[in-house]
Amino acid sequence: MIPSRKEEMSDRLLAVASLIPKSDLVVDVGSDHGKMGAWCIQNGICESLIATDIHEAPCKRTESFLRAMGLAAKSQVKMTDGLCGVTLKENTSVVIAGMGGLEIRKILTSALQSSGIPKGTCFVLQPQRSYYELRSFLSSEGFTIREEKIEIERGHFYVVIQCFFEGTPYSLSDAQLFFGPFILKEKPEHYEEYMTHQKAVMQKQALGNPMCVEILKNWEEWT
């Protein structure tokens, strides 16, 4: 018996999963327990899965879970750092969730410098922090942001970014880098609560960050 989606996936992970397009292959980086990959196969999002983690224990946990779900034949677990040793092909989606934005940036930088990233590859990213730095990297390296979501789980805000590697750099304003270009434009679910929270965070950061001061001066423009 396959457990229900709610039993197997938190609201945060469901928000991540909702932005994964139908693909031949999903690569789940830092898979931890394998639930995301299992959900993708069970719900017809992908035909096959590669789950990676840098540590042995999560890899074994993922292997056991996928085997228990009857998905061992459609999945592969690699103990590796990020995307090292993973060849990205056409119609592949990469999920990197639950890491800091700087760590995600490091993984993507390594992939660009080593095996390369095919144009059109989808990345679904859920950084825990350092949104500004991550979006700055994405825009400068040509990862086109196409959608963003806000999720609230146990009193914490999470942002999910869907982007596609096109290789053409583009510019974002400081406010777009902080809050997200599609979050500001589309005002998705939880927008008002998220912006209230972000304003409080930015007011603290403004003590040592002139950029935050400038954004706060024009706060009405975003709300």
Protein backbone atom coordinates (compact mmCIF):
# COMPACT_ATOMS: atom_id res chain seq x y z
CA MET A 1 0.00 0.00 0.00
CA ILE A 2 1.36 3.43 -0.98
CA PRO A 3 0.93 5.95 1.85
CA SER A 4 -1.11 9.06 1.11
CA ARG A 5 0.62 12.26 0.02
CA LYS A 6 -0.07 14.03 3.31
CA GLU A 7 1.30 11.11 5.33
CA GLU A 8 4.51 11.12 3.34
CA MET A 9 5.09 14.79 2.53
CA SER A 10 5.12 17.92 4.66
CA ASP A 11 3.49 21.13 3.41
CA ARG A 12 6.98 22.49 2.67
CA LEU A 13 7.91 19.51 0.50
CA LEU A 14 4.52 19.52 -1.23
CA ALA A 15 5.13 23.15 -2.17
CA VAL A 16 8.49 22.13 -3.62
CA ALA A 17 6.98 19.17 -5.47
CA SER A 18 4.24 21.33 -6.99
CA LEU A 19 6.84 23.25 -9.02
CA ILE A 20 8.56 20.19 -10.52
CA PRO A 21 7.50 19.78 -14.18
CA LYS A 22 6.93 16.37 -15.72
CA SER A 23 10.40 15.04 -16.55
CA ASP A 24 12.19 11.92 -17.69
CA LEU A 25 14.47 12.16 -14.66
CA VAL A 26 14.37 13.95 -11.31
CA VAL A 27 17.61 14.45 -9.38
CA ASP A 28 16.94 15.03 -5.68
CA VAL A 29 20.06 16.60 -4.16
CA GLY A 30 20.42 16.09 -0.42
CA SER A 31 17.54 13.63 -0.47
CA ASP A 32 17.76 12.86 3.28
CA HIS A 33 14.92 10.31 3.38
CA GLY A 34 13.81 9.78 -0.24
CA LYS A 35 10.22 10.92 0.20
CA MET A 36 10.43 13.63 -2.47
CA GLY A 37 11.73 11.24 -5.10
CA ALA A 38 9.17 8.59 -4.21
CA TRP A 39 6.36 11.15 -4.49
CA CYS A 40 7.58 12.20 -7.94
CA ILE A 41 7.58 8.64 -9.27
CA GLN A 42 4.26 7.71 -7.64
CA ASN A 43 2.55 10.80 -9.03
CA GLY A 44 3.86 10.45 -12.58
CA ILE A 45 6.21 13.44 -12.41
CA CYS A 46 9.19 11.38 -13.56
CA GLU A 47 10.08 7.98 -14.94
CA SER A 48 13.25 7.61 -12.90
CA LEU A 49 15.07 9.16 -9.96
CA ILE A 50 18.61 9.85 -8.83
CA ALA A 51 18.86 10.73 -5.14
CA THR A 52 22.13 12.12 -3.81
CA ASP A 53 23.49 12.90 -0.38
CA ILE A 54 26.98 13.61 0.87
CA HIS A 55 26.57 11.39 3.94
CA GLU A 56 26.26 7.61 4.16
CA ALA A 57 23.42 7.44 6.69
CA PRO A 58 20.90 9.47 4.60
CA CYS A 59 21.84 7.43 1.53
CA LYS A 60 21.08 4.18 3.34
CA ARG A 61 17.85 5.67 4.69
CA THR A 62 16.82 6.73 1.19
CA GLU A 63 17.68 3.32 -0.29
CA SER A 64 15.64 1.54 2.38
CA PHE A 65 12.65 3.82 1.91
CA LEU A 66 12.62 3.51 -1.89
CA ARG A 67 12.97 -0.24 -1.64
CA ALA A 68 10.07 -0.41 0.83
CA MET A 69 7.99 1.66 -1.60
CA GLY A 70 8.76 -0.81 -4.39
CA LEU A 71 10.68 1.85 -6.34
CA ALA A 72 14.21 0.43 -6.28
CA ALA A 73 14.11 -0.45 -10.00
CA LYS A 74 13.27 3.14 -10.95
CA SER A 75 15.75 4.85 -8.66
CA GLN A 76 19.44 5.19 -7.96
CA VAL A 77 21.08 6.53 -4.81
CA LYS A 78 24.52 8.16 -4.99
CA MET A 79 26.69 9.21 -2.07
CA THR A 80 28.25 12.35 -3.52
CA ASP A 81 28.63 16.07 -2.96
CA GLY A 82 25.73 17.83 -4.68
CA LEU A 83 25.67 17.00 -8.37
CA CYS A 84 29.22 15.62 -8.58
CA GLY A 85 29.21 12.50 -10.75
CA VAL A 86 25.67 13.13 -11.99
CA THR A 87 25.29 13.71 -15.73
CA LEU A 88 22.41 16.06 -16.49
CA LYS A 89 20.57 15.31 -19.72
CA GLU A 90 17.60 16.82 -21.54
CA ASN A 91 14.26 16.81 -19.75
CA THR A 92 15.82 16.52 -16.30
CA SER A 93 14.61 18.40 -13.23
CA VAL A 94 16.89 19.01 -10.26
CA VAL A 95 15.52 19.56 -6.75
CA ILE A 96 17.66 21.15 -4.05
CA ALA A 97 15.59 21.77 -0.93
CA GLY A 98 16.34 22.49 2.71
CA MET A 99 19.85 23.90 2.29
CA GLY A 100 21.26 27.37 2.72
CA GLY A 101 21.31 29.60 -0.34
CA LEU A 102 25.12 29.76 -0.28
CA GLU A 103 25.34 25.96 -0.29
CA ILE A 104 22.92 25.78 -3.23
CA ARG A 105 25.03 28.37 -5.04
CA LYS A 106 28.14 26.25 -4.42
CA ILE A 107 26.45 23.13 -5.85
CA LEU A 108 25.28 24.95 -8.99
CA THR A 109 28.67 26.61 -9.48
CA SER A 110 30.38 23.23 -9.30
CA ALA A 111 27.94 21.77 -11.82
CA LEU A 112 28.55 24.64 -14.25
CA GLN A 113 32.32 24.26 -13.97
CA SER A 114 32.46 20.46 -14.22
CA SER A 115 30.02 18.49 -16.33
CA GLY A 116 28.00 21.52 -17.42
CA ILE A 117 24.26 22.10 -17.37
CA PRO A 118 22.13 21.59 -20.52
CA LYS A 119 20.01 24.57 -21.50
CA GLY A 120 16.42 24.13 -20.45
CA THR A 121 17.23 22.13 -17.32
CA CYS A 122 14.73 22.91 -14.57
CA PHE A 123 15.85 23.60 -11.00
CA VAL A 124 13.44 23.73 -8.08
CA LEU A 125 15.21 25.36 -5.15
CA GLN A 126 14.11 25.86 -1.56
CA PRO A 127 16.80 27.81 0.27
CA GLN A 128 16.65 28.16 4.03
CA ARG A 129 18.45 31.53 3.99
CA SER A 130 20.62 33.83 1.84
CA TYR A 131 17.87 34.51 -0.72
CA TYR A 132 19.56 37.68 -1.93
CA GLU A 133 22.86 35.95 -2.65
CA LEU A 134 21.18 33.00 -4.36
CA ARG A 135 18.97 35.09 -6.65
CA SER A 136 21.93 37.29 -7.47
CA PHE A 137 23.82 34.19 -8.60
CA LEU A 138 20.86 32.82 -10.56
CA SER A 139 20.38 36.05 -12.49
CA SER A 140 24.09 36.57 -13.21
CA GLU A 141 24.54 32.99 -14.44
CA GLY A 142 21.41 32.83 -16.58
CA PHE A 143 19.04 30.71 -14.47
CA THR A 144 15.70 32.25 -15.46
CA ILE A 145 13.27 32.41 -12.54
CA ARG A 146 9.78 31.46 -13.75
CA GLU A 147 7.79 30.92 -10.56
CA GLU A 148 8.04 31.33 -6.80
CA LYS A 149 5.87 30.11 -3.94
CA ILE A 150 5.59 30.89 -0.24
CA GLU A 151 4.75 28.16 2.27
CA ILE A 152 4.24 28.36 6.02
CA GLU A 153 5.00 25.31 8.15
CA ARG A 154 5.14 25.27 11.96
CA GLY A 155 5.38 29.03 12.06
CA HIS A 156 8.30 29.25 9.60
CA PHE A 157 8.22 30.81 6.13
CA TYR A 158 9.69 28.92 3.19
CA VAL A 159 10.21 30.18 -0.34
CA VAL A 160 10.39 27.85 -3.35
CA ILE A 161 12.03 29.04 -6.58
CA GLN A 162 11.52 27.39 -9.96
CA CYS A 163 14.13 28.36 -12.54
CA PHE A 164 15.44 27.10 -15.88
CA PHE A 165 19.03 27.32 -17.02
CA GLU A 166 19.18 29.39 -20.22
CA GLY A 167 22.69 30.80 -19.91
CA THR A 168 21.70 34.42 -20.54
CA PRO A 169 22.41 36.79 -17.61
CA TYR A 170 19.76 39.32 -16.60
CA SER A 171 19.29 42.00 -13.95
CA LEU A 172 17.08 42.15 -10.88
CA SER A 173 16.56 45.08 -8.54
CA ASP A 174 17.67 44.87 -4.92
CA ALA A 175 14.05 44.40 -3.83
CA GLN A 176 13.58 41.57 -6.34
CA LEU A 177 16.74 39.92 -5.08
CA PHE A 178 15.57 40.16 -1.47
CA PHE A 179 11.91 39.21 -1.89
CA GLY A 180 11.69 37.47 -5.28
CA PRO A 181 10.62 38.91 -8.65
CA PHE A 182 7.54 36.70 -8.94
CA ILE A 183 6.61 37.08 -5.29
CA LEU A 184 6.49 40.86 -5.75
CA LYS A 185 4.68 40.62 -9.09
CA GLU A 186 2.18 37.83 -8.46
CA LYS A 187 1.64 38.26 -4.68
CA PRO A 188 1.05 34.53 -4.12
CA GLU A 189 -0.66 32.89 -1.16
CA HIS A 190 0.79 34.02 2.21
CA TYR A 191 2.21 37.18 0.56
CA GLU A 192 1.00 39.66 3.19
CA GLU A 193 2.18 37.57 6.14
CA TYR A 194 5.51 36.94 4.45
CA MET A 195 6.13 40.61 3.69
CA THR A 196 5.22 41.61 7.24
CA HIS A 197 7.78 39.10 8.48
CA GLN A 198 10.39 40.26 5.96
CA LYS A 199 9.88 43.89 6.95
CA ALA A 200 10.71 43.03 10.56
CA VAL A 201 13.80 41.11 9.44
CA MET A 202 14.89 43.97 7.18
CA GLN A 203 14.46 46.55 9.92
CA LYS A 204 16.99 44.61 12.00
CA GLN A 205 19.37 44.24 9.06
CA ALA A 206 19.09 47.92 8.23
CA LEU A 207 21.25 48.77 11.22
CA GLY A 208 24.28 47.63 9.24
CA ASN A 209 23.01 47.46 5.67
CA PRO A 210 22.29 50.69 3.73
CA MET A 211 20.56 48.68 1.01
CA CYS A 212 17.87 47.63 3.48
CA VAL A 213 17.40 51.27 4.47
CA GLU A 214 16.67 52.21 0.84
CA ILE A 215 14.17 49.37 0.38
CA LEU A 216 12.37 50.27 3.59
CA LYS A 217 12.01 53.86 2.38
CA ASN A 218 9.90 52.59 -0.54
CA TRP A 219 8.06 49.88 1.39
CA GLU A 220 4.60 50.98 0.22
CA GLU A 221 5.63 50.09 -3.33
CA TRP A 222 5.80 46.39 -2.39
CA THR A 223 2.71 46.19 -0.22
